[in-house]
C-alpha atoms as a PDB file:
ATOM      1  CA  UNK A   1      -0.008   0.004   0.014  1.00  0.00           C
ATOM      2  CA  UNK A   2       1.282   3.481  -0.861  1.00  0.00           C
ATOM      3  CA  UNK A   3       2.717   5.284   2.090  1.00  0.00           C
ATOM      4  CA  UNK A   4       1.059   8.486   0.916  1.00  0.00           C
ATOM      5  CA  UNK A   5      -2.436   6.950   1.077  1.00  0.00           C
ATOM      6  CA  UNK A   6      -5.110   8.865   3.046  1.00  0.00           C
ATOM      7  CA  UNK A   7      -8.401   7.842   4.559  1.00  0.00           C
ATOM      8  CA  UNK A   8     -11.197  10.262   3.583  1.00  0.00           C
ATOM      9  CA  UNK A   9     -14.735  10.071   4.979  1.00  0.00           C
ATOM     10  CA  UNK A  10     -17.432  12.679   4.228  1.00  0.00           C
ATOM     11  CA  UNK A  11     -19.053  14.167   7.359  1.00  0.00           C
ATOM     12  CA  UNK A  12     -22.718  13.376   7.804  1.00  0.00           C
ATOM     13  CA  UNK A  13     -24.947  16.448   7.570  1.00  0.00           C
ATOM     14  CA  UNK A  14     -28.746  16.567   7.988  1.00  0.00           C
ATOM     15  CA  UNK A  15     -30.263  19.272   5.843  1.00  0.00           C
ATOM     16  CA  UNK A  16     -33.958  20.226   5.781  1.00  0.00           C
ATOM     17  CA  UNK A  17     -35.335  22.801   3.335  1.00  0.00           C
ATOM     18  CA  UNK A  18     -38.597  24.771   3.793  1.00  0.00           C
ATOM     19  CA  UNK A  19     -38.126  24.187   7.461  1.00  0.00           C
ATOM     20  CA  UNK A  20     -40.606  26.692   8.856  1.00  0.00           C
ATOM     21  CA  UNK A  21     -42.634  27.561   5.790  1.00  0.00           C
ATOM     22  CA  UNK A  22     -42.982  30.838   3.916  1.00  0.00           C
ATOM     23  CA  UNK A  23     -45.123  32.733   6.417  1.00  0.00           C
ATOM     24  CA  UNK A  24     -43.184  31.901   9.607  1.00  0.00           C
ATOM     25  CA  UNK A  25     -39.738  32.228   7.973  1.00  0.00           C
ATOM     26  CA  UNK A  26     -40.738  35.589   6.445  1.00  0.00           C
ATOM     27  CA  UNK A  27     -41.828  36.993   9.820  1.00  0.00           C
ATOM     28  CA  UNK A  28     -38.612  35.696  11.442  1.00  0.00           C
ATOM     29  CA  UNK A  29     -36.525  37.313   8.658  1.00  0.00           C
ATOM     30  CA  UNK A  30     -38.218  40.692   9.292  1.00  0.00           C
ATOM     31  CA  UNK A  31     -37.352  40.475  12.984  1.00  0.00           C
ATOM     32  CA  UNK A  32     -33.760  39.637  12.083  1.00  0.00           C
ATOM     33  CA  UNK A  33     -33.520  42.544   9.660  1.00  0.00           C
ATOM     34  CA  UNK A  34     -34.890  44.899  12.386  1.00  0.00           C
ATOM     35  CA  UNK A  35     -32.094  43.701  14.730  1.00  0.00           C
ATOM     36  CA  UNK A  36     -29.451  44.118  12.003  1.00  0.00           C
ATOM     37  CA  UNK A  37     -30.286  47.818  11.707  1.00  0.00           C
ATOM     38  CA  UNK A  38     -29.570  48.250  15.395  1.00  0.00           C
ATOM     39  CA  UNK A  39     -26.381  47.652  17.431  1.00  0.00           C
ATOM     40  CA  UNK A  40     -24.911  44.187  17.078  1.00  0.00           C
ATOM     41  CA  UNK A  41     -21.765  42.942  18.777  1.00  0.00           C
ATOM     42  CA  UNK A  42     -18.685  41.628  16.954  1.00  0.00           C
ATOM     43  CA  UNK A  43     -18.822  37.790  16.861  1.00  0.00           C
ATOM     44  CA  UNK A  44     -16.403  36.025  19.196  1.00  0.00           C
ATOM     45  CA  UNK A  45     -14.549  32.786  19.557  1.00  0.00           C
ATOM     46  CA  UNK A  46     -13.483  30.662  22.510  1.00  0.00           C
ATOM     47  CA  UNK A  47     -13.849  32.654  25.752  1.00  0.00           C
ATOM     48  CA  UNK A  48     -15.517  35.681  24.123  1.00  0.00           C
ATOM     49  CA  UNK A  49     -12.457  36.769  22.169  1.00  0.00           C
ATOM     50  CA  UNK A  50     -12.902  39.043  19.182  1.00  0.00           C
ATOM     51  CA  UNK A  51     -10.345  37.871  16.524  1.00  0.00           C
ATOM     52  CA  UNK A  52     -11.271  39.628  13.230  1.00  0.00           C
ATOM     53  CA  UNK A  53      -8.584  37.745  11.263  1.00  0.00           C
ATOM     54  CA  UNK A  54     -10.283  34.515  12.149  1.00  0.00           C
ATOM     55  CA  UNK A  55     -13.942  35.376  12.443  1.00  0.00           C
ATOM     56  CA  UNK A  56     -15.690  38.502  11.109  1.00  0.00           C
ATOM     57  CA  UNK A  57     -19.398  38.956  11.537  1.00  0.00           C
ATOM     58  CA  UNK A  58     -21.878  40.444  14.033  1.00  0.00           C
ATOM     59  CA  UNK A  59     -24.052  38.611  16.569  1.00  0.00           C
ATOM     60  CA  UNK A  60     -26.996  39.063  18.903  1.00  0.00           C
ATOM     61  CA  UNK A  61     -26.995  36.471  21.703  1.00  0.00           C
ATOM     62  CA  UNK A  62     -30.413  37.638  22.933  1.00  0.00           C
ATOM     63  CA  UNK A  63     -32.343  37.169  19.715  1.00  0.00           C
ATOM     64  CA  UNK A  64     -35.436  35.012  20.398  1.00  0.00           C
ATOM     65  CA  UNK A  65     -36.431  32.359  17.892  1.00  0.00           C
ATOM     66  CA  UNK A  66     -38.846  30.015  19.657  1.00  0.00           C
ATOM     67  CA  UNK A  67     -40.345  28.855  16.332  1.00  0.00           C
ATOM     68  CA  UNK A  68     -36.968  27.481  15.269  1.00  0.00           C
ATOM     69  CA  UNK A  69     -36.511  25.629  18.618  1.00  0.00           C
ATOM     70  CA  UNK A  70     -40.004  24.145  18.436  1.00  0.00           C
ATOM     71  CA  UNK A  71     -39.377  22.879  14.883  1.00  0.00           C
ATOM     72  CA  UNK A  72     -36.087  21.418  15.885  1.00  0.00           C
ATOM     73  CA  UNK A  73     -37.702  19.466  18.717  1.00  0.00           C
ATOM     74  CA  UNK A  74     -40.133  17.967  16.175  1.00  0.00           C
ATOM     75  CA  UNK A  75     -37.319  16.560  13.963  1.00  0.00           C
ATOM     76  CA  UNK A  76     -34.865  15.807  16.754  1.00  0.00           C
ATOM     77  CA  UNK A  77     -35.501  12.048  16.916  1.00  0.00           C
ATOM     78  CA  UNK A  78     -34.683  11.600  13.240  1.00  0.00           C
ATOM     79  CA  UNK A  79     -31.633  13.890  13.395  1.00  0.00           C
ATOM     80  CA  UNK A  80     -30.270  12.147  16.515  1.00  0.00           C
ATOM     81  CA  UNK A  81     -30.698   8.734  14.813  1.00  0.00           C
ATOM     82  CA  UNK A  82     -28.986   9.894  11.603  1.00  0.00           C
ATOM     83  CA  UNK A  83     -26.019  11.540  13.318  1.00  0.00           C
ATOM     84  CA  UNK A  84     -25.700   8.875  16.047  1.00  0.00           C
ATOM     85  CA  UNK A  85     -26.050  11.234  18.972  1.00  0.00           C
ATOM     86  CA  UNK A  86     -28.433  11.408  21.924  1.00  0.00           C
ATOM     87  CA  UNK A  87     -29.685  14.837  23.074  1.00  0.00           C
ATOM     88  CA  UNK A  88     -31.974  13.680  25.883  1.00  0.00           C
ATOM     89  CA  UNK A  89     -32.409  16.476  28.528  1.00  0.00           C
ATOM     90  CA  UNK A  90     -30.230  18.759  26.400  1.00  0.00           C
ATOM     91  CA  UNK A  91     -30.484  22.547  26.575  1.00  0.00           C
ATOM     92  CA  UNK A  92     -30.539  25.027  23.703  1.00  0.00           C
ATOM     93  CA  UNK A  93     -27.923  27.711  23.265  1.00  0.00           C
ATOM     94  CA  UNK A  94     -28.031  29.940  20.181  1.00  0.00           C
ATOM     95  CA  UNK A  95     -27.568  33.382  18.691  1.00  0.00           C
ATOM     96  CA  UNK A  96     -28.313  35.359  15.534  1.00  0.00           C
ATOM     97  CA  UNK A  97     -25.280  35.823  13.349  1.00  0.00           C
ATOM     98  CA  UNK A  98     -25.160  38.335  10.580  1.00  0.00           C
ATOM     99  CA  UNK A  99     -22.614  38.188   7.732  1.00  0.00           C
ATOM    100  CA  UNK A 100     -22.263  41.142   5.386  1.00  0.00           C
ATOM    101  CA  UNK A 101     -19.664  42.121   2.803  1.00  0.00           C
ATOM    102  CA  UNK A 102     -16.264  40.552   3.419  1.00  0.00           C
ATOM    103  CA  UNK A 103     -17.377  38.513   6.496  1.00  0.00           C
ATOM    104  CA  UNK A 104     -16.222  34.931   7.096  1.00  0.00           C
ATOM    105  CA  UNK A 105     -15.369  32.346   9.681  1.00  0.00           C
ATOM    106  CA  UNK A 106     -12.222  30.261   9.189  1.00  0.00           C
ATOM    107  CA  UNK A 107     -12.088  26.506   9.699  1.00  0.00           C
ATOM    108  CA  UNK A 108     -12.875  25.440  13.207  1.00  0.00           C
ATOM    109  CA  UNK A 109     -14.680  22.905  15.409  1.00  0.00           C
ATOM    110  CA  UNK A 110     -17.516  23.710  17.788  1.00  0.00           C
ATOM    111  CA  UNK A 111     -16.318  21.175  20.384  1.00  0.00           C
ATOM    112  CA  UNK A 112     -13.352  21.316  22.650  1.00  0.00           C
ATOM    113  CA  UNK A 113     -11.346  24.150  24.014  1.00  0.00           C
ATOM    114  CA  UNK A 114     -13.677  25.659  26.588  1.00  0.00           C
ATOM    115  CA  UNK A 115     -15.957  24.241  29.293  1.00  0.00           C
ATOM    116  CA  UNK A 116     -19.008  25.421  27.384  1.00  0.00           C
ATOM    117  CA  UNK A 117     -17.845  24.007  24.104  1.00  0.00           C
ATOM    118  CA  UNK A 118     -17.298  20.549  25.677  1.00  0.00           C
ATOM    119  CA  UNK A 119     -20.986  20.429  26.555  1.00  0.00           C
ATOM    120  CA  UNK A 120     -22.089  20.720  22.919  1.00  0.00           C
ATOM    121  CA  UNK A 121     -23.782  17.596  21.537  1.00  0.00           C
ATOM    122  CA  UNK A 122     -25.337  18.803  18.278  1.00  0.00           C
ATOM    123  CA  UNK A 123     -24.760  21.873  16.094  1.00  0.00           C
ATOM    124  CA  UNK A 124     -27.556  23.524  14.078  1.00  0.00           C
ATOM    125  CA  UNK A 125     -27.544  26.414  11.618  1.00  0.00           C
ATOM    126  CA  UNK A 126     -30.820  27.878  10.304  1.00  0.00           C
ATOM    127  CA  UNK A 127     -30.549  30.333   7.344  1.00  0.00           C
ATOM    128  CA  UNK A 128     -32.566  33.403   6.444  1.00  0.00           C
ATOM    129  CA  UNK A 129     -32.093  35.926   3.662  1.00  0.00           C
ATOM    130  CA  UNK A 130     -34.010  38.112   1.218  1.00  0.00           C
ATOM    131  CA  UNK A 131     -35.138  36.685  -2.076  1.00  0.00           C
ATOM    132  CA  UNK A 132     -33.565  36.752  -4.572  1.00  0.00           C
ATOM    133  CA  UNK A 133     -30.357  36.299  -2.557  1.00  0.00           C
ATOM    134  CA  UNK A 134     -28.668  39.721  -2.329  1.00  0.00           C
ATOM    135  CA  UNK A 135     -25.231  38.300  -1.583  1.00  0.00           C
ATOM    136  CA  UNK A 136     -22.899  35.667  -2.932  1.00  0.00           C
ATOM    137  CA  UNK A 137     -20.615  33.316  -1.055  1.00  0.00           C
ATOM    138  CA  UNK A 138     -21.272  32.418   2.577  1.00  0.00           C
ATOM    139  CA  UNK A 139     -21.488  28.709   1.985  1.00  0.00           C
ATOM    140  CA  UNK A 140     -20.977  26.382   4.903  1.00  0.00           C
ATOM    141  CA  UNK A 141     -17.915  24.332   4.015  1.00  0.00           C
ATOM    142  CA  UNK A 142     -17.849  20.930   5.755  1.00  0.00           C
ATOM    143  CA  UNK A 143     -14.427  19.247   5.709  1.00  0.00           C
ATOM    144  CA  UNK A 144     -14.119  15.518   5.225  1.00  0.00           C
ATOM    145  CA  UNK A 145     -12.545  13.364   7.892  1.00  0.00           C
ATOM    146  CA  UNK A 146      -8.959  13.121   6.592  1.00  0.00           C
ATOM    147  CA  UNK A 147      -6.279  10.925   8.137  1.00  0.00           C
ATOM    148  CA  UNK A 148      -3.069   9.337   6.802  1.00  0.00           C
ATOM    149  CA  UNK A 149      -3.094   5.574   6.755  1.00  0.00           C
ATOM    150  CA  UNK A 150       0.497   5.560   8.022  1.00  0.00           C
ATOM    151  CA  UNK A 151       1.622   7.497  11.077  1.00  0.00           C
ATOM    152  CA  UNK A 152       4.794   8.562   9.308  1.00  0.00           C
ATOM    153  CA  UNK A 153       2.906  10.268   6.537  1.00  0.00           C
ATOM    154  CA  UNK A 154       2.649  13.994   6.743  1.00  0.00           C
ATOM    155  CA  UNK A 155      -0.047  16.206   5.206  1.00  0.00           C
ATOM    156  CA  UNK A 156      -1.137  19.759   5.069  1.00  0.00           C
ATOM    157  CA  UNK A 157      -4.532  21.400   5.610  1.00  0.00           C
ATOM    158  CA  UNK A 158      -4.727  22.088   1.817  1.00  0.00           C
ATOM    159  CA  UNK A 159      -4.903  18.357   1.200  1.00  0.00           C
ATOM    160  CA  UNK A 160      -8.351  18.071   2.785  1.00  0.00           C
ATOM    161  CA  UNK A 161     -11.514  17.630   0.693  1.00  0.00           C
ATOM    162  CA  UNK A 162     -14.840  19.160   1.493  1.00  0.00           C
ATOM    163  CA  UNK A 163     -18.482  19.750   0.534  1.00  0.00           C
ATOM    164  CA  UNK A 164     -20.127  23.187   0.434  1.00  0.00           C
ATOM    165  CA  UNK A 165     -23.688  23.715   1.630  1.00  0.00           C
ATOM    166  CA  UNK A 166     -25.482  26.771   0.337  1.00  0.00           C
ATOM    167  CA  UNK A 167     -27.132  29.150   2.939  1.00  0.00           C
ATOM    168  CA  UNK A 168     -30.591  28.766   1.400  1.00  0.00           C
ATOM    169  CA  UNK A 169     -33.413  30.754   2.934  1.00  0.00           C
ATOM    170  CA  UNK A 170     -35.547  28.712   5.398  1.00  0.00           C
ATOM    171  CA  UNK A 171     -33.171  25.744   5.389  1.00  0.00           C
ATOM    172  CA  UNK A 172     -31.373  24.216   8.384  1.00  0.00           C
ATOM    173  CA  UNK A 173     -28.386  21.918   8.721  1.00  0.00           C
ATOM    174  CA  UNK A 174     -27.391  19.707  11.618  1.00  0.00           C
ATOM    175  CA  UNK A 175     -24.016  18.110  12.281  1.00  0.00           C
ATOM    176  CA  UNK A 176     -21.783  16.947  15.121  1.00  0.00           C
ATOM    177  CA  UNK A 177     -19.743  19.700  16.845  1.00  0.00           C
ATOM    178  CA  UNK A 178     -16.545  17.793  16.307  1.00  0.00           C
ATOM    179  CA  UNK A 179     -16.803  18.323  12.495  1.00  0.00           C
ATOM    180  CA  UNK A 180     -14.380  20.804  10.947  1.00  0.00           C
ATOM    181  CA  UNK A 181     -16.282  23.557   9.097  1.00  0.00           C
ATOM    182  CA  UNK A 182     -16.038  27.145   7.990  1.00  0.00           C
ATOM    183  CA  UNK A 183     -18.119  30.012   6.596  1.00  0.00           C
ATOM    184  CA  UNK A 184     -16.874  31.048   3.160  1.00  0.00           C
ATOM    185  CA  UNK A 185     -16.357  34.789   2.589  1.00  0.00           C
ATOM    186  CA  UNK A 186     -19.486  36.771   1.751  1.00  0.00           C
ATOM    187  CA  UNK A 187     -19.809  39.341  -0.966  1.00  0.00           C
ATOM    188  CA  UNK A 188     -22.711  41.760  -0.435  1.00  0.00           C
ATOM    189  CA  UNK A 189     -22.394  44.670  -2.990  1.00  0.00           C
ATOM    190  CA  UNK A 190     -25.037  46.877  -1.365  1.00  0.00           C
ATOM    191  CA  UNK A 191     -23.421  46.471   2.101  1.00  0.00           C
ATOM    192  CA  UNK A 192     -26.994  47.124   3.494  1.00  0.00           C
ATOM    193  CA  UNK A 193     -27.789  45.339   6.767  1.00  0.00           C
ATOM    194  CA  UNK A 194     -31.074  43.978   5.287  1.00  0.00           C
ATOM    195  CA  UNK A 195     -29.144  42.216   2.535  1.00  0.00           C
ATOM    196  CA  UNK A 196     -27.031  40.218   4.937  1.00  0.00           C
ATOM    197  CA  UNK A 197     -26.680  36.474   5.271  1.00  0.00           C
ATOM    198  CA  UNK A 198     -28.644  35.747   8.479  1.00  0.00           C
ATOM    199  CA  UNK A 199     -28.148  32.566  10.444  1.00  0.00           C
ATOM    200  CA  UNK A 200     -29.394  31.318  13.709  1.00  0.00           C
ATOM    201  CA  UNK A 201     -26.428  29.265  15.005  1.00  0.00           C
ATOM    202  CA  UNK A 202     -26.787  27.058  18.016  1.00  0.00           C
ATOM    203  CA  UNK A 203     -26.269  23.880  19.818  1.00  0.00           C
ATOM    204  CA  UNK A 204     -28.042  21.304  21.939  1.00  0.00           C
ATOM    205  CA  UNK A 205     -25.892  21.004  25.057  1.00  0.00           C
ATOM    206  CA  UNK A 206     -25.655  18.880  28.164  1.00  0.00           C
ATOM    207  CA  UNK A 207     -27.151  20.704  31.191  1.00  0.00           C
ATOM    208  CA  UNK A 208     -24.919  23.124  33.013  1.00  0.00           C
ATOM    209  CA  UNK A 209     -23.944  21.369  36.244  1.00  0.00           C
ATOM    210  CA  UNK A 210     -23.209  24.733  37.845  1.00  0.00           C
ATOM    211  CA  UNK A 211     -26.850  25.610  37.655  1.00  0.00           C
ATOM    212  CA  UNK A 212     -28.070  22.407  39.247  1.00  0.00           C
END
């Protein structure tokens, strides 16, 4: 067997289109646009660090989207079965994230480096935008599992393969927090807040033991 051989395995993603329906998604979009015209905070990584070379967007951690959470609970059993994860007694944590011209989020995992991240069981991203789509880019790039078959084989990040998922209005994707992913750069010629790529990003997490 070639010593340069690699093992590649696509990451499983659950994607549902027309998730809330035209009327509900339209009302939610209008609420998101109203928030985007106000004051949003720079998006953070890890322990609330703002690192614009790694992640550039704006967020609202207090945005309420109960209709999204209710719809997620309806499909949860199928999603859990497909992704091989149990979210029994899990808690929701989410925010509204707004990407405009030049915004992006480099390759990362949602699990790991902080105590909160280690509680994440399932990632979800629900997309909203005006129609026709007023921006280009902004795809969710999911990187395949990529490992050398021999421990002495070296490889670079550029050797990885991936699949891009378009941020289609009223669609949602689910995946495991351990999956490597990124948000591709967004081009929004108008630069208007209402023309942004809106996403409700969140997780189902194990309960916070400090609140027990």
